[in-house]
Amino acid sequence: MLRAIDILACTVWLSLFYPFGLADRPTGRQLISGYVGKAAFNGMPWGLRAAAVLDWCAVRLGDGPDHCLRAYLFWKRLEIEP
């Protein structure tokens, strides 16, 4: 259930910004955690701030620290764009 919410959140997020050239094209397979983790990994200020919020939420829901970074590295390792 949480994964579906994650995918929906990323699709909505990207759909809002894609028409203006501010985000990647939504695929419906991307996780917001992985997308934000990629931005944080690349040092983007908005990604670092968003990752802090998502990581805080993930810890409260029972996941470990650095949720977004781990999500990005997992999908990158599989060579699937998050």
N, C-alpha and C. Protein backbone atom coordinates (compact mmCIF):
# COMPACT_ATOMS: atom_id res chain seq x y z
N MET A 1 0.82 -1.18 0.00
CA MET A 1 0.00 0.00 0.00
C MET A 1 0.87 1.27 0.00
N LEU A 2 1.94 1.26 0.83
CA LEU A 2 2.81 2.44 0.88
C LEU A 2 3.54 2.65 -0.44
N ARG A 3 3.88 1.55 -1.12
CA ARG A 3 4.56 1.69 -2.40
C ARG A 3 3.63 2.34 -3.43
N ALA A 4 2.35 1.99 -3.40
CA ALA A 4 1.39 2.60 -4.33
C ALA A 4 1.25 4.09 -4.05
N ILE A 5 1.23 4.46 -2.78
CA ILE A 5 1.16 5.88 -2.42
C ILE A 5 2.42 6.59 -2.88
N ASP A 6 3.56 5.94 -2.75
CA ASP A 6 4.85 6.49 -3.16
C ASP A 6 4.85 6.76 -4.67
N ILE A 7 4.39 5.79 -5.46
CA ILE A 7 4.35 5.94 -6.91
C ILE A 7 3.36 7.03 -7.31
N LEU A 8 2.19 7.05 -6.67
CA LEU A 8 1.20 8.08 -6.96
C LEU A 8 1.74 9.47 -6.64
N ALA A 9 2.40 9.61 -5.51
CA ALA A 9 2.97 10.90 -5.13
C ALA A 9 3.98 11.37 -6.16
N CYS A 10 4.81 10.48 -6.64
CA CYS A 10 5.83 10.86 -7.63
C CYS A 10 5.17 11.24 -8.95
N THR A 11 4.17 10.49 -9.36
CA THR A 11 3.48 10.79 -10.62
C THR A 11 2.81 12.16 -10.56
N VAL A 12 2.15 12.45 -9.45
CA VAL A 12 1.51 13.76 -9.29
C VAL A 12 2.56 14.86 -9.27
N TRP A 13 3.62 14.66 -8.49
CA TRP A 13 4.70 15.65 -8.39
C TRP A 13 5.28 15.97 -9.76
N LEU A 14 5.64 14.92 -10.51
CA LEU A 14 6.26 15.13 -11.81
C LEU A 14 5.27 15.72 -12.82
N SER A 15 4.02 15.32 -12.73
CA SER A 15 3.00 15.83 -13.66
C SER A 15 2.79 17.33 -13.50
N LEU A 16 2.97 17.83 -12.30
CA LEU A 16 2.80 19.26 -12.07
C LEU A 16 3.94 20.07 -12.68
N PHE A 17 5.15 19.55 -12.64
CA PHE A 17 6.33 20.32 -13.05
C PHE A 17 6.85 19.99 -14.44
N TYR A 18 6.51 18.81 -14.97
CA TYR A 18 7.01 18.39 -16.29
C TYR A 18 6.62 19.36 -17.41
N PRO A 19 5.37 19.83 -17.47
CA PRO A 19 4.99 20.72 -18.57
C PRO A 19 5.83 22.01 -18.65
N PHE A 20 6.43 22.38 -17.55
CA PHE A 20 7.25 23.60 -17.51
C PHE A 20 8.74 23.31 -17.64
N GLY A 21 9.08 22.05 -17.88
CA GLY A 21 10.48 21.66 -18.03
C GLY A 21 11.25 21.61 -16.72
N LEU A 22 10.51 21.52 -15.60
CA LEU A 22 11.16 21.53 -14.29
C LEU A 22 11.33 20.15 -13.68
N ALA A 23 10.90 19.10 -14.38
CA ALA A 23 11.01 17.74 -13.85
C ALA A 23 11.09 16.76 -15.01
N ASP A 24 11.49 15.55 -14.69
CA ASP A 24 11.54 14.48 -15.69
C ASP A 24 10.11 14.08 -16.08
N ARG A 25 10.00 13.42 -17.22
CA ARG A 25 8.70 12.95 -17.67
C ARG A 25 8.23 11.82 -16.75
N PRO A 26 7.00 11.90 -16.26
CA PRO A 26 6.50 10.83 -15.38
C PRO A 26 6.31 9.53 -16.14
N THR A 27 6.69 8.43 -15.51
CA THR A 27 6.54 7.11 -16.14
C THR A 27 5.48 6.27 -15.45
N GLY A 28 5.10 6.64 -14.24
CA GLY A 28 4.16 5.82 -13.49
C GLY A 28 4.84 4.66 -12.78
N ARG A 29 6.16 4.59 -12.88
CA ARG A 29 6.92 3.53 -12.21
C ARG A 29 7.90 4.09 -11.20
N GLN A 30 8.01 5.41 -11.14
CA GLN A 30 9.00 6.04 -10.27
C GLN A 30 8.45 6.19 -8.85
N LEU A 31 9.33 6.02 -7.90
CA LEU A 31 8.99 6.25 -6.50
C LEU A 31 9.45 7.64 -6.11
N ILE A 32 8.63 8.35 -5.36
CA ILE A 32 9.02 9.70 -4.93
C ILE A 32 10.29 9.62 -4.08
N SER A 33 10.41 8.55 -3.32
CA SER A 33 11.61 8.37 -2.48
C SER A 33 12.87 8.28 -3.33
N GLY A 34 12.81 7.50 -4.39
CA GLY A 34 13.97 7.35 -5.27
C GLY A 34 14.26 8.62 -6.06
N TYR A 35 13.20 9.30 -6.50
CA TYR A 35 13.38 10.54 -7.26
C TYR A 35 14.01 11.62 -6.39
N VAL A 36 13.50 11.75 -5.17
CA VAL A 36 14.06 12.73 -4.22
C VAL A 36 15.47 12.30 -3.80
N GLY A 37 15.67 11.00 -3.61
CA GLY A 37 16.99 10.50 -3.26
C GLY A 37 18.02 10.80 -4.33
N LYS A 38 17.62 10.72 -5.60
CA LYS A 38 18.52 11.05 -6.71
C LYS A 38 18.89 12.53 -6.66
N ALA A 39 17.89 13.38 -6.42
CA ALA A 39 18.14 14.82 -6.33
C ALA A 39 19.06 15.13 -5.15
N ALA A 40 18.82 14.49 -4.02
CA ALA A 40 19.67 14.71 -2.84
C ALA A 40 21.09 14.21 -3.10
N PHE A 41 21.21 13.05 -3.74
CA PHE A 41 22.51 12.47 -4.07
C PHE A 41 23.30 13.42 -4.97
N ASN A 42 22.59 14.11 -5.87
CA ASN A 42 23.24 15.06 -6.78
C ASN A 42 23.41 16.44 -6.16
N GLY A 43 23.04 16.59 -4.89
CA GLY A 43 23.28 17.83 -4.16
C GLY A 43 22.29 18.95 -4.45
N MET A 44 21.16 18.63 -5.02
CA MET A 44 20.17 19.68 -5.31
C MET A 44 19.53 20.12 -3.99
N PRO A 45 19.49 21.42 -3.72
CA PRO A 45 18.97 21.91 -2.44
C PRO A 45 17.55 21.45 -2.14
N TRP A 46 16.66 21.47 -3.14
CA TRP A 46 15.29 21.03 -2.88
C TRP A 46 15.27 19.53 -2.55
N GLY A 47 16.16 18.77 -3.17
CA GLY A 47 16.22 17.34 -2.91
C GLY A 47 16.69 17.03 -1.50
N LEU A 48 17.67 17.81 -1.03
CA LEU A 48 18.16 17.62 0.34
C LEU A 48 17.08 17.93 1.37
N ARG A 49 16.32 18.99 1.12
CA ARG A 49 15.23 19.36 2.05
C ARG A 49 14.09 18.35 2.00
N ALA A 50 13.70 17.95 0.79
CA ALA A 50 12.61 16.98 0.65
C ALA A 50 13.01 15.63 1.23
N ALA A 51 14.26 15.23 1.04
CA ALA A 51 14.74 13.95 1.58
C ALA A 51 14.69 13.96 3.10
N ALA A 52 15.03 15.08 3.71
CA ALA A 52 14.98 15.17 5.16
C ALA A 52 13.55 14.94 5.67
N VAL A 53 12.59 15.52 4.99
CA VAL A 53 11.19 15.35 5.39
C VAL A 53 10.72 13.92 5.16
N LEU A 54 11.00 13.39 3.96
CA LEU A 54 10.57 12.02 3.66
C LEU A 54 11.27 11.00 4.56
N ASP A 55 12.56 11.20 4.82
CA ASP A 55 13.28 10.30 5.71
C ASP A 55 12.69 10.32 7.11
N TRP A 56 12.33 11.50 7.59
CA TRP A 56 11.72 11.62 8.91
C TRP A 56 10.41 10.83 8.95
N CYS A 57 9.59 10.99 7.92
CA CYS A 57 8.32 10.26 7.85
C CYS A 57 8.56 8.75 7.78
N ALA A 58 9.54 8.34 6.98
CA ALA A 58 9.83 6.91 6.82
C ALA A 58 10.28 6.28 8.13
N VAL A 59 11.09 6.98 8.89
CA VAL A 59 11.55 6.47 10.19
C VAL A 59 10.35 6.30 11.12
N ARG A 60 9.43 7.25 11.09
CA ARG A 60 8.24 7.17 11.95
C ARG A 60 7.33 6.01 11.54
N LEU A 61 7.42 5.60 10.27
CA LEU A 61 6.61 4.48 9.78
C LEU A 61 7.35 3.14 9.89
N GLY A 62 8.55 3.16 10.47
CA GLY A 62 9.26 1.91 10.74
C GLY A 62 10.45 1.61 9.85
N ASP A 63 10.79 2.49 8.93
CA ASP A 63 11.96 2.26 8.08
C ASP A 63 13.19 2.83 8.76
N GLY A 64 14.35 2.52 8.21
CA GLY A 64 15.59 3.02 8.77
C GLY A 64 15.93 4.41 8.25
N PRO A 65 17.04 4.96 8.73
CA PRO A 65 17.47 6.29 8.27
C PRO A 65 17.91 6.26 6.80
N ASP A 66 17.98 7.42 6.19
CA ASP A 66 18.41 7.58 4.79
C ASP A 66 17.54 6.79 3.82
N HIS A 67 16.25 6.81 4.05
CA HIS A 67 15.29 6.09 3.22
C HIS A 67 15.40 6.48 1.74
N CYS A 68 15.44 7.78 1.46
CA CYS A 68 15.47 8.25 0.07
C CYS A 68 16.76 7.86 -0.63
N LEU A 69 17.88 8.03 0.03
CA LEU A 69 19.16 7.65 -0.55
C LEU A 69 19.20 6.15 -0.82
N ARG A 70 18.74 5.36 0.12
CA ARG A 70 18.73 3.90 -0.08
C ARG A 70 17.81 3.51 -1.22
N ALA A 71 16.67 4.18 -1.37
CA ALA A 71 15.75 3.88 -2.48
C ALA A 71 16.42 4.20 -3.81
N TYR A 72 17.07 5.36 -3.89
CA TYR A 72 17.76 5.74 -5.13
C TYR A 72 18.87 4.74 -5.46
N LEU A 73 19.71 4.41 -4.50
CA LEU A 73 20.82 3.50 -4.75
C LEU A 73 20.33 2.10 -5.12
N PHE A 74 19.21 1.67 -4.54
CA PHE A 74 18.65 0.36 -4.88
C PHE A 74 18.24 0.32 -6.35
N TRP A 75 17.48 1.33 -6.80
CA TRP A 75 17.03 1.33 -8.19
C TRP A 75 18.17 1.59 -9.16
N LYS A 76 19.14 2.39 -8.74
CA LYS A 76 20.30 2.64 -9.59
C LYS A 76 21.09 1.35 -9.77
N ARG A 77 21.22 0.57 -8.71
CA ARG A 77 21.95 -0.70 -8.78
C ARG A 77 21.29 -1.66 -9.76
N LEU A 78 19.97 -1.61 -9.82
CA LEU A 78 19.23 -2.48 -10.75
C LEU A 78 19.18 -1.89 -12.15
N GLU A 79 19.76 -0.69 -12.31
CA GLU A 79 19.76 0.05 -13.57
C GLU A 79 18.34 0.34 -14.06
N ILE A 80 17.47 0.62 -13.09
CA ILE A 80 16.10 1.04 -13.38
C ILE A 80 15.99 2.46 -12.86
N GLU A 81 15.58 3.37 -13.71
CA GLU A 81 15.47 4.77 -13.30
C GLU A 81 14.35 4.91 -12.27
N PRO A 82 14.67 5.46 -11.06
CA PRO A 82 13.62 5.60 -10.04
C PRO A 82 12.61 6.67 -10.38
